[in-house]
Amino acid sequence: MQITIRPGARDDVPAVLALLDGATEWLVSRGQVEQWGTAPHSTSPRRVAQISGFAADGELWVAELDGRVVGALAVGAAMEYVPPADEPELYVRLLVTDRASAGRNLGGVLLDHARDLARAAGVRLLRVDCFAGGDGALVRYYEKQGFTREAEFAVSRVNEPDWPGQLLTQHL
């Protein structure tokens, strides 16, 4: 069983949203609702537009296993809520994998692809941000993937507590 990575297209948007919905269900089942809440991403017009935009802009990549989408990566410009980089970069805007395929290093394979894309573009800086709340497991995951903590930040939300984030960097 080989994982293949290919450019994502508009037709992949429902599969990527299903991955996000599955990840949210898994988080909720563990009592971790602070990261993404409890509502499915597929019912959020903002999230549907975001993933559709990634596909339309050529920023979306999908991982397939046995012809099934089991992971997604979006790379491009930094998110607006993090400080700008002081050198050219590639920014991981989305990373999500299928919970049913856990243990296959899908996230690592997708991050390797992001590294390859950065190198091919002549960029030596890869950055990513993630949820910094809960038990910090997501931050530790990225550190195990070779990233270093750069800065903490908070995203303000309407009628909800701020979302705690961690910006991480990796020099290639």
N, C-alpha and C. Protein backbone atom coordinates (compact mmCIF):
# COMPACT_ATOMS: atom_id res chain seq x y z
N MET A 1 0.85 -1.18 0.00
CA MET A 1 0.00 0.00 0.00
C MET A 1 0.89 1.24 0.00
N GLN A 2 0.88 1.93 -1.10
CA GLN A 2 1.71 3.11 -1.24
C GLN A 2 0.86 4.37 -1.21
N ILE A 3 1.36 5.35 -0.48
CA ILE A 3 0.71 6.65 -0.41
C ILE A 3 1.18 7.45 -1.60
N THR A 4 0.24 8.02 -2.34
CA THR A 4 0.60 8.91 -3.44
C THR A 4 0.07 10.30 -3.12
N ILE A 5 0.83 11.29 -3.54
CA ILE A 5 0.42 12.68 -3.34
C ILE A 5 0.25 13.31 -4.70
N ARG A 6 -0.87 13.99 -4.86
CA ARG A 6 -1.16 14.64 -6.14
C ARG A 6 -1.78 16.01 -5.87
N PRO A 7 -1.75 16.89 -6.87
CA PRO A 7 -2.42 18.18 -6.69
C PRO A 7 -3.91 17.98 -6.42
N GLY A 8 -4.43 18.75 -5.51
CA GLY A 8 -5.85 18.70 -5.21
C GLY A 8 -6.63 19.55 -6.20
N ALA A 9 -7.85 19.14 -6.45
CA ALA A 9 -8.72 19.85 -7.38
C ALA A 9 -10.06 20.13 -6.71
N ARG A 10 -10.89 20.88 -7.41
CA ARG A 10 -12.22 21.22 -6.88
C ARG A 10 -13.00 19.96 -6.49
N ASP A 11 -12.84 18.90 -7.27
CA ASP A 11 -13.55 17.64 -6.98
C ASP A 11 -13.11 17.02 -5.66
N ASP A 12 -11.94 17.42 -5.15
CA ASP A 12 -11.44 16.88 -3.88
C ASP A 12 -11.96 17.62 -2.66
N VAL A 13 -12.59 18.75 -2.85
CA VAL A 13 -13.04 19.57 -1.71
C VAL A 13 -13.94 18.77 -0.77
N PRO A 14 -14.95 18.03 -1.26
CA PRO A 14 -15.78 17.25 -0.32
C PRO A 14 -14.98 16.24 0.49
N ALA A 15 -13.99 15.59 -0.13
CA ALA A 15 -13.18 14.61 0.60
C ALA A 15 -12.34 15.28 1.67
N VAL A 16 -11.79 16.46 1.37
CA VAL A 16 -10.99 17.19 2.36
C VAL A 16 -11.89 17.65 3.51
N LEU A 17 -13.07 18.14 3.19
CA LEU A 17 -14.01 18.54 4.25
C LEU A 17 -14.40 17.33 5.10
N ALA A 18 -14.54 16.17 4.48
CA ALA A 18 -14.87 14.95 5.24
C ALA A 18 -13.72 14.59 6.19
N LEU A 19 -12.47 14.79 5.75
CA LEU A 19 -11.32 14.56 6.63
C LEU A 19 -11.38 15.50 7.84
N LEU A 20 -11.69 16.76 7.58
CA LEU A 20 -11.80 17.74 8.67
C LEU A 20 -12.95 17.38 9.60
N ASP A 21 -14.08 16.97 9.03
CA ASP A 21 -15.21 16.54 9.87
C ASP A 21 -14.83 15.35 10.74
N GLY A 22 -14.12 14.39 10.15
CA GLY A 22 -13.69 13.22 10.90
C GLY A 22 -12.72 13.58 12.02
N ALA A 23 -11.82 14.51 11.75
CA ALA A 23 -10.87 14.95 12.78
C ALA A 23 -11.61 15.66 13.91
N THR A 24 -12.61 16.45 13.56
CA THR A 24 -13.40 17.14 14.58
C THR A 24 -14.17 16.14 15.43
N GLU A 25 -14.78 15.15 14.79
CA GLU A 25 -15.50 14.11 15.53
C GLU A 25 -14.56 13.41 16.51
N TRP A 26 -13.35 13.11 16.06
CA TRP A 26 -12.36 12.44 16.91
C TRP A 26 -11.99 13.34 18.10
N LEU A 27 -11.76 14.62 17.83
CA LEU A 27 -11.43 15.55 18.91
C LEU A 27 -12.58 15.64 19.91
N VAL A 28 -13.80 15.76 19.42
CA VAL A 28 -14.98 15.86 20.29
C VAL A 28 -15.10 14.59 21.14
N SER A 29 -14.86 13.43 20.53
CA SER A 29 -14.97 12.18 21.27
C SER A 29 -13.95 12.10 22.41
N ARG A 30 -12.89 12.88 22.30
CA ARG A 30 -11.86 12.93 23.35
C ARG A 30 -12.07 14.11 24.29
N GLY A 31 -13.18 14.84 24.10
CA GLY A 31 -13.48 15.98 24.96
C GLY A 31 -12.67 17.22 24.62
N GLN A 32 -12.07 17.25 23.44
CA GLN A 32 -11.24 18.38 23.02
C GLN A 32 -12.01 19.23 22.01
N VAL A 33 -12.81 20.13 22.51
CA VAL A 33 -13.65 20.95 21.63
C VAL A 33 -13.08 22.34 21.40
N GLU A 34 -11.98 22.69 22.09
CA GLU A 34 -11.44 24.04 21.97
C GLU A 34 -10.75 24.29 20.63
N GLN A 35 -10.24 23.24 20.01
CA GLN A 35 -9.47 23.43 18.78
C GLN A 35 -10.36 23.85 17.62
N TRP A 36 -11.38 23.05 17.31
CA TRP A 36 -12.22 23.31 16.15
C TRP A 36 -13.70 23.35 16.49
N GLY A 37 -14.06 23.30 17.75
CA GLY A 37 -15.47 23.31 18.11
C GLY A 37 -16.10 21.95 17.88
N THR A 38 -17.41 21.95 17.68
CA THR A 38 -18.13 20.69 17.52
C THR A 38 -18.87 20.58 16.18
N ALA A 39 -19.01 21.68 15.47
CA ALA A 39 -19.77 21.68 14.22
C ALA A 39 -18.94 21.13 13.07
N PRO A 40 -19.57 20.40 12.16
CA PRO A 40 -18.83 19.89 11.00
C PRO A 40 -18.31 21.03 10.13
N HIS A 41 -17.11 20.88 9.61
CA HIS A 41 -16.52 21.87 8.70
C HIS A 41 -17.32 21.95 7.41
N SER A 42 -17.89 20.81 7.00
CA SER A 42 -18.63 20.76 5.74
C SER A 42 -19.89 21.61 5.76
N THR A 43 -20.33 22.04 6.93
CA THR A 43 -21.52 22.89 7.02
C THR A 43 -21.15 24.36 7.23
N SER A 44 -19.86 24.68 7.26
CA SER A 44 -19.40 26.05 7.46
C SER A 44 -19.09 26.70 6.12
N PRO A 45 -19.88 27.70 5.71
CA PRO A 45 -19.60 28.36 4.43
C PRO A 45 -18.17 28.93 4.37
N ARG A 46 -17.66 29.42 5.49
CA ARG A 46 -16.31 29.97 5.52
C ARG A 46 -15.28 28.87 5.24
N ARG A 47 -15.44 27.73 5.87
CA ARG A 47 -14.49 26.63 5.69
C ARG A 47 -14.59 26.04 4.29
N VAL A 48 -15.81 25.89 3.77
CA VAL A 48 -15.99 25.39 2.41
C VAL A 48 -15.30 26.33 1.42
N ALA A 49 -15.48 27.63 1.61
CA ALA A 49 -14.85 28.62 0.72
C ALA A 49 -13.32 28.56 0.84
N GLN A 50 -12.82 28.37 2.06
CA GLN A 50 -11.37 28.31 2.26
C GLN A 50 -10.78 27.11 1.52
N ILE A 51 -11.34 25.93 1.70
CA ILE A 51 -10.81 24.73 1.05
C ILE A 51 -10.98 24.83 -0.46
N SER A 52 -12.11 25.36 -0.92
CA SER A 52 -12.32 25.57 -2.36
C SER A 52 -11.28 26.54 -2.91
N GLY A 53 -10.96 27.58 -2.14
CA GLY A 53 -9.94 28.54 -2.55
C GLY A 53 -8.56 27.90 -2.65
N PHE A 54 -8.22 27.05 -1.69
CA PHE A 54 -6.94 26.33 -1.76
C PHE A 54 -6.86 25.55 -3.07
N ALA A 55 -7.94 24.86 -3.41
CA ALA A 55 -7.95 24.06 -4.64
C ALA A 55 -7.84 24.95 -5.87
N ALA A 56 -8.62 26.02 -5.89
CA ALA A 56 -8.61 26.92 -7.06
C ALA A 56 -7.26 27.61 -7.25
N ASP A 57 -6.57 27.89 -6.15
CA ASP A 57 -5.29 28.59 -6.22
C ASP A 57 -4.09 27.68 -6.41
N GLY A 58 -4.32 26.37 -6.53
CA GLY A 58 -3.23 25.44 -6.71
C GLY A 58 -2.41 25.19 -5.45
N GLU A 59 -2.99 25.48 -4.30
CA GLU A 59 -2.30 25.31 -3.02
C GLU A 59 -2.60 23.98 -2.34
N LEU A 60 -3.56 23.23 -2.86
CA LEU A 60 -4.04 22.01 -2.22
C LEU A 60 -3.36 20.78 -2.80
N TRP A 61 -2.94 19.88 -1.90
CA TRP A 61 -2.38 18.59 -2.27
C TRP A 61 -3.12 17.53 -1.47
N VAL A 62 -3.37 16.39 -2.08
CA VAL A 62 -4.05 15.32 -1.36
C VAL A 62 -3.20 14.05 -1.40
N ALA A 63 -3.28 13.32 -0.31
CA ALA A 63 -2.62 12.02 -0.21
C ALA A 63 -3.68 10.95 -0.44
N GLU A 64 -3.34 9.98 -1.27
CA GLU A 64 -4.25 8.87 -1.54
C GLU A 64 -3.61 7.55 -1.14
N LEU A 65 -4.44 6.67 -0.66
CA LEU A 65 -4.04 5.32 -0.32
C LEU A 65 -5.12 4.41 -0.88
N ASP A 66 -4.73 3.52 -1.76
CA ASP A 66 -5.69 2.63 -2.42
C ASP A 66 -6.83 3.41 -3.09
N GLY A 67 -6.49 4.54 -3.72
CA GLY A 67 -7.47 5.34 -4.44
C GLY A 67 -8.38 6.19 -3.58
N ARG A 68 -8.14 6.22 -2.29
CA ARG A 68 -8.99 6.99 -1.36
C ARG A 68 -8.19 8.14 -0.78
N VAL A 69 -8.79 9.32 -0.71
CA VAL A 69 -8.13 10.48 -0.11
C VAL A 69 -8.02 10.26 1.40
N VAL A 70 -6.78 10.23 1.90
CA VAL A 70 -6.54 9.98 3.32
C VAL A 70 -5.80 11.12 4.01
N GLY A 71 -5.50 12.17 3.25
CA GLY A 71 -4.82 13.31 3.85
C GLY A 71 -4.85 14.50 2.91
N ALA A 72 -4.66 15.68 3.49
CA ALA A 72 -4.63 16.89 2.68
C ALA A 72 -3.63 17.88 3.28
N LEU A 73 -3.02 18.62 2.38
CA LEU A 73 -2.04 19.64 2.71
C LEU A 73 -2.35 20.86 1.85
N ALA A 74 -2.31 22.03 2.44
CA ALA A 74 -2.38 23.26 1.66
C ALA A 74 -1.18 24.11 2.05
N VAL A 75 -0.50 24.65 1.06
CA VAL A 75 0.67 25.50 1.29
C VAL A 75 0.53 26.77 0.48
N GLY A 76 1.14 27.83 1.00
CA GLY A 76 1.09 29.10 0.30
C GLY A 76 1.62 30.20 1.19
N ALA A 77 0.95 31.33 1.12
CA ALA A 77 1.34 32.49 1.93
C ALA A 77 0.91 32.28 3.38
N ALA A 78 1.61 32.96 4.28
CA ALA A 78 1.30 32.85 5.71
C ALA A 78 -0.12 33.32 6.00
N MET A 79 -0.67 32.75 7.04
CA MET A 79 -1.99 33.18 7.50
C MET A 79 -1.88 34.61 8.03
N GLU A 80 -2.95 35.36 7.92
CA GLU A 80 -2.92 36.78 8.26
C GLU A 80 -2.75 37.04 9.75
N TYR A 81 -2.98 36.06 10.58
CA TYR A 81 -2.92 36.27 12.02
C TYR A 81 -1.55 35.98 12.63
N VAL A 82 -0.55 35.63 11.80
CA VAL A 82 0.80 35.39 12.34
C VAL A 82 1.74 36.49 11.85
N PRO A 83 2.81 36.76 12.62
CA PRO A 83 3.78 37.76 12.18
C PRO A 83 4.43 37.35 10.86
N PRO A 84 4.75 38.31 10.02
CA PRO A 84 5.39 37.97 8.75
C PRO A 84 6.80 37.43 8.97
N ALA A 85 7.24 36.61 8.04
CA ALA A 85 8.59 36.06 8.07
C ALA A 85 9.57 37.12 7.59
N ASP A 86 10.81 36.99 8.01
CA ASP A 86 11.83 37.94 7.56
C ASP A 86 12.67 37.40 6.40
N GLU A 87 12.19 36.32 5.80
CA GLU A 87 12.82 35.74 4.61
C GLU A 87 11.73 35.01 3.81
N PRO A 88 12.00 34.69 2.55
CA PRO A 88 11.01 33.96 1.77
C PRO A 88 10.65 32.63 2.46
N GLU A 89 9.39 32.27 2.36
CA GLU A 89 8.91 31.08 3.05
C GLU A 89 7.85 30.35 2.26
N LEU A 90 7.59 29.14 2.69
CA LEU A 90 6.40 28.41 2.30
C LEU A 90 5.67 28.12 3.60
N TYR A 91 4.37 28.35 3.62
CA TYR A 91 3.59 28.23 4.84
C TYR A 91 2.61 27.08 4.71
N VAL A 92 2.59 26.21 5.69
CA VAL A 92 1.62 25.12 5.72
C VAL A 92 0.31 25.70 6.25
N ARG A 93 -0.67 25.83 5.37
CA ARG A 93 -1.94 26.45 5.70
C ARG A 93 -2.97 25.43 6.22
N LEU A 94 -2.75 24.16 5.88
CA LEU A 94 -3.67 23.09 6.30
C LEU A 94 -2.91 21.78 6.28
N LEU A 95 -3.13 20.98 7.30
CA LEU A 95 -2.64 19.60 7.33
C LEU A 95 -3.69 18.80 8.07
N VAL A 96 -4.26 17.81 7.41
CA VAL A 96 -5.27 16.96 8.04
C VAL A 96 -5.14 15.56 7.46
N THR A 97 -5.31 14.56 8.32
CA THR A 97 -5.24 13.18 7.87
C THR A 97 -6.45 12.40 8.38
N ASP A 98 -6.66 11.28 7.73
CA ASP A 98 -7.78 10.39 8.06
C ASP A 98 -7.49 9.66 9.37
N ARG A 99 -8.36 9.80 10.34
CA ARG A 99 -8.16 9.15 11.63
C ARG A 99 -8.15 7.62 11.50
N ALA A 100 -8.88 7.10 10.52
CA ALA A 100 -8.91 5.65 10.32
C ALA A 100 -7.58 5.12 9.79
N SER A 101 -6.73 6.00 9.30
CA SER A 101 -5.41 5.61 8.79
C SER A 101 -4.29 6.04 9.73
N ALA A 102 -4.63 6.33 10.97
CA ALA A 102 -3.63 6.75 11.95
C ALA A 102 -2.53 5.70 12.06
N GLY A 103 -1.31 6.17 12.31
CA GLY A 103 -0.18 5.26 12.46
C GLY A 103 0.57 4.99 11.18
N ARG A 104 0.15 5.58 10.08
CA ARG A 104 0.81 5.37 8.78
C ARG A 104 1.73 6.53 8.41
N ASN A 105 1.94 7.47 9.33
CA ASN A 105 2.80 8.64 9.10
C ASN A 105 2.32 9.51 7.94
N LEU A 106 1.01 9.57 7.74
CA LEU A 106 0.48 10.39 6.64
C LEU A 106 0.87 11.86 6.79
N GLY A 107 0.78 12.37 8.02
CA GLY A 107 1.16 13.77 8.25
C GLY A 107 2.62 14.00 7.92
N GLY A 108 3.49 13.06 8.32
CA GLY A 108 4.91 13.18 8.02
C GLY A 108 5.18 13.16 6.52
N VAL A 109 4.47 12.29 5.81
CA VAL A 109 4.63 12.21 4.35
C VAL A 109 4.20 13.53 3.70
N LEU A 110 3.09 14.08 4.16
CA LEU A 110 2.62 15.35 3.61
C LEU A 110 3.57 16.50 3.95
N LEU A 111 4.11 16.50 5.16
CA LEU A 111 5.09 17.54 5.52
C LEU A 111 6.37 17.37 4.71
N ASP A 112 6.78 16.14 4.42
CA ASP A 112 7.93 15.92 3.52
C ASP A 112 7.64 16.52 2.15
N HIS A 113 6.41 16.39 1.69
CA HIS A 113 6.04 16.97 0.40
C HIS A 113 6.14 18.50 0.46
N ALA A 114 5.70 19.08 1.56
CA ALA A 114 5.81 20.54 1.72
C ALA A 114 7.29 20.96 1.69
N ARG A 115 8.14 20.19 2.34
CA ARG A 115 9.58 20.48 2.32
C ARG A 115 10.12 20.42 0.89
N ASP A 116 9.70 19.40 0.15
CA ASP A 116 10.13 19.26 -1.24
C ASP A 116 9.65 20.45 -2.08
N LEU A 117 8.42 20.88 -1.86
CA LEU A 117 7.89 22.02 -2.60
C LEU A 117 8.69 23.29 -2.28
N ALA A 118 9.02 23.47 -1.01
CA ALA A 118 9.80 24.64 -0.61
C ALA A 118 11.17 24.63 -1.28
N ARG A 119 11.83 23.48 -1.21
CA ARG A 119 13.17 23.38 -1.82
C ARG A 119 13.10 23.64 -3.33
N ALA A 120 12.08 23.08 -3.98
CA ALA A 120 11.93 23.27 -5.43
C ALA A 120 11.71 24.73 -5.78
N ALA A 121 11.11 25.48 -4.85
CA ALA A 121 10.88 26.91 -5.07
C ALA A 121 12.07 27.76 -4.63
N GLY A 122 13.12 27.10 -4.12
CA GLY A 122 14.30 27.83 -3.66
C GLY A 122 14.10 28.50 -2.32
N VAL A 123 13.15 27.99 -1.54
CA VAL A 123 12.82 28.59 -0.24
C VAL A 123 13.41 27.70 0.85
N ARG A 124 14.00 28.34 1.86
CA ARG A 124 14.64 27.57 2.94
C ARG A 124 13.86 27.61 4.24
N LEU A 125 12.73 28.33 4.27
CA LEU A 125 11.94 28.45 5.50
C LEU A 125 10.56 27.85 5.29
N LEU A 126 10.20 26.93 6.17
CA LEU A 126 8.86 26.35 6.19
C LEU A 126 8.26 26.71 7.53
N ARG A 127 7.06 27.28 7.51
CA ARG A 127 6.39 27.63 8.77
C ARG A 127 5.01 27.00 8.80
N VAL A 128 4.51 26.81 10.02
CA VAL A 128 3.19 26.25 10.26
C VAL A 128 2.69 26.81 11.58
N ASP A 129 1.38 26.89 11.72
CA ASP A 129 0.83 27.20 13.04
C ASP A 129 -0.16 26.12 13.41
N CYS A 130 -0.41 26.04 14.72
CA CYS A 130 -1.34 25.04 15.19
C CYS A 130 -1.97 25.47 16.50
N PHE A 131 -2.98 24.74 16.90
CA PHE A 131 -3.65 24.95 18.18
C PHE A 131 -2.65 24.68 19.30
N ALA A 132 -2.54 25.63 20.21
CA ALA A 132 -1.57 25.51 21.30
C ALA A 132 -2.23 25.18 22.63
N GLY A 133 -3.53 24.97 22.63
CA GLY A 133 -4.23 24.68 23.87
C GLY A 133 -4.22 23.20 24.20
N GLY A 134 -5.14 22.84 25.09
CA GLY A 134 -5.24 21.44 25.50
C GLY A 134 -3.97 21.01 26.20
N ASP A 135 -3.54 19.81 25.90
CA ASP A 135 -2.33 19.28 26.53
C ASP A 135 -1.06 19.57 25.73
N GLY A 136 -1.17 20.35 24.65
CA GLY A 136 -0.01 20.72 23.86
C GLY A 136 0.48 19.63 22.91
N ALA A 137 -0.31 18.58 22.73
CA ALA A 137 0.11 17.45 21.91
C ALA A 137 0.38 17.84 20.46
N LEU A 138 -0.41 18.76 19.93
CA LEU A 138 -0.22 19.14 18.53
C LEU A 138 1.10 19.89 18.34
N VAL A 139 1.42 20.77 19.27
CA VAL A 139 2.70 21.47 19.21
C VAL A 139 3.84 20.45 19.28
N ARG A 140 3.74 19.50 20.18
CA ARG A 140 4.78 18.47 20.30
C ARG A 140 4.89 17.63 19.01
N TYR A 141 3.76 17.38 18.35
CA TYR A 141 3.79 16.64 17.10
C TYR A 141 4.68 17.37 16.08
N TYR A 142 4.45 18.67 15.93
CA TYR A 142 5.24 19.43 14.95
C TYR A 142 6.71 19.50 15.37
N GLU A 143 6.97 19.56 16.65
CA GLU A 143 8.36 19.54 17.10
C GLU A 143 9.01 18.20 16.73
N LYS A 144 8.29 17.10 16.86
CA LYS A 144 8.82 15.79 16.46
C LYS A 144 9.05 15.72 14.96
N GLN A 145 8.34 16.57 14.22
CA GLN A 145 8.52 16.64 12.77
C GLN A 145 9.65 17.59 12.38
N GLY A 146 10.37 18.13 13.36
CA GLY A 146 11.52 18.97 13.07
C GLY A 146 11.29 20.46 13.15
N PHE A 147 10.11 20.87 13.57
CA PHE A 147 9.82 22.30 13.70
C PHE A 147 10.23 22.80 15.08
N THR A 148 10.47 24.11 15.16
CA THR A 148 10.85 24.76 16.41
C THR A 148 9.82 25.84 16.72
N ARG A 149 9.46 25.95 17.99
CA ARG A 149 8.52 27.00 18.40
C ARG A 149 9.12 28.38 18.12
N GLU A 150 8.30 29.25 17.51
CA GLU A 150 8.76 30.61 17.23
C GLU A 150 8.00 31.63 18.08
N ALA A 151 6.68 31.58 18.04
CA ALA A 151 5.90 32.58 18.77
C ALA A 151 4.52 32.04 19.08
N GLU A 152 4.01 32.42 20.24
CA GLU A 152 2.62 32.14 20.58
C GLU A 152 1.78 33.32 20.12
N PHE A 153 0.52 33.06 19.83
CA PHE A 153 -0.40 34.13 19.42
C PHE A 153 -1.80 33.71 19.81
N ALA A 154 -2.73 34.63 19.68
CA ALA A 154 -4.14 34.34 19.95
C ALA A 154 -4.98 34.94 18.83
N VAL A 155 -5.96 34.20 18.39
CA VAL A 155 -6.90 34.67 17.37
C VAL A 155 -8.19 35.03 18.08
N SER A 156 -8.61 36.29 17.94
CA SER A 156 -9.86 36.73 18.56
C SER A 156 -11.04 36.14 17.82
N ARG A 157 -12.06 35.73 18.59
CA ARG A 157 -13.27 35.17 18.00
C ARG A 157 -14.47 35.86 18.63
N VAL A 158 -15.53 35.97 17.87
CA VAL A 158 -16.75 36.60 18.35
C VAL A 158 -17.50 35.64 19.27
N ASN A 159 -17.87 36.10 20.44
CA ASN A 159 -18.65 35.33 21.41
C ASN A 159 -18.00 34.02 21.84
N GLU A 160 -16.69 33.91 21.70
CA GLU A 160 -15.95 32.74 22.13
C GLU A 160 -14.61 33.19 22.68
N PRO A 161 -13.99 32.36 23.50
CA PRO A 161 -12.65 32.72 23.97
C PRO A 161 -11.66 32.79 22.80
N ASP A 162 -10.59 33.54 22.97
CA ASP A 162 -9.54 33.58 21.94
C ASP A 162 -9.02 32.17 21.68
N TRP A 163 -8.60 31.94 20.45
CA TRP A 163 -8.03 30.65 20.04
C TRP A 163 -6.52 30.73 20.23
N PRO A 164 -5.93 29.90 21.12
CA PRO A 164 -4.49 29.96 21.35
C PRO A 164 -3.72 29.23 20.27
N GLY A 165 -2.74 29.93 19.68
CA GLY A 165 -1.96 29.32 18.62
C GLY A 165 -0.47 29.34 18.88
N GLN A 166 0.21 28.47 18.17
CA GLN A 166 1.67 28.40 18.24
C GLN A 166 2.21 28.44 16.80
N LEU A 167 3.10 29.36 16.54
CA LEU A 167 3.79 29.43 15.26
C LEU A 167 5.09 28.65 15.38
N LEU A 168 5.36 27.79 14.40
CA LEU A 168 6.56 26.97 14.41
C LEU A 168 7.31 27.15 13.08
N THR A 169 8.62 26.99 13.13
CA THR A 169 9.43 27.17 11.93
C THR A 169 10.37 25.97 11.75
N GLN A 170 10.78 25.79 10.50
CA GLN A 170 11.79 24.80 10.17
C GLN A 170 12.65 25.37 9.04
N HIS A 171 13.95 25.40 9.26
CA HIS A 171 14.87 25.84 8.21
C HIS A 171 15.37 24.61 7.47
N LEU A 172 15.27 24.68 6.17
CA LEU A 172 15.64 23.54 5.31
C LEU A 172 17.05 23.67 4.80
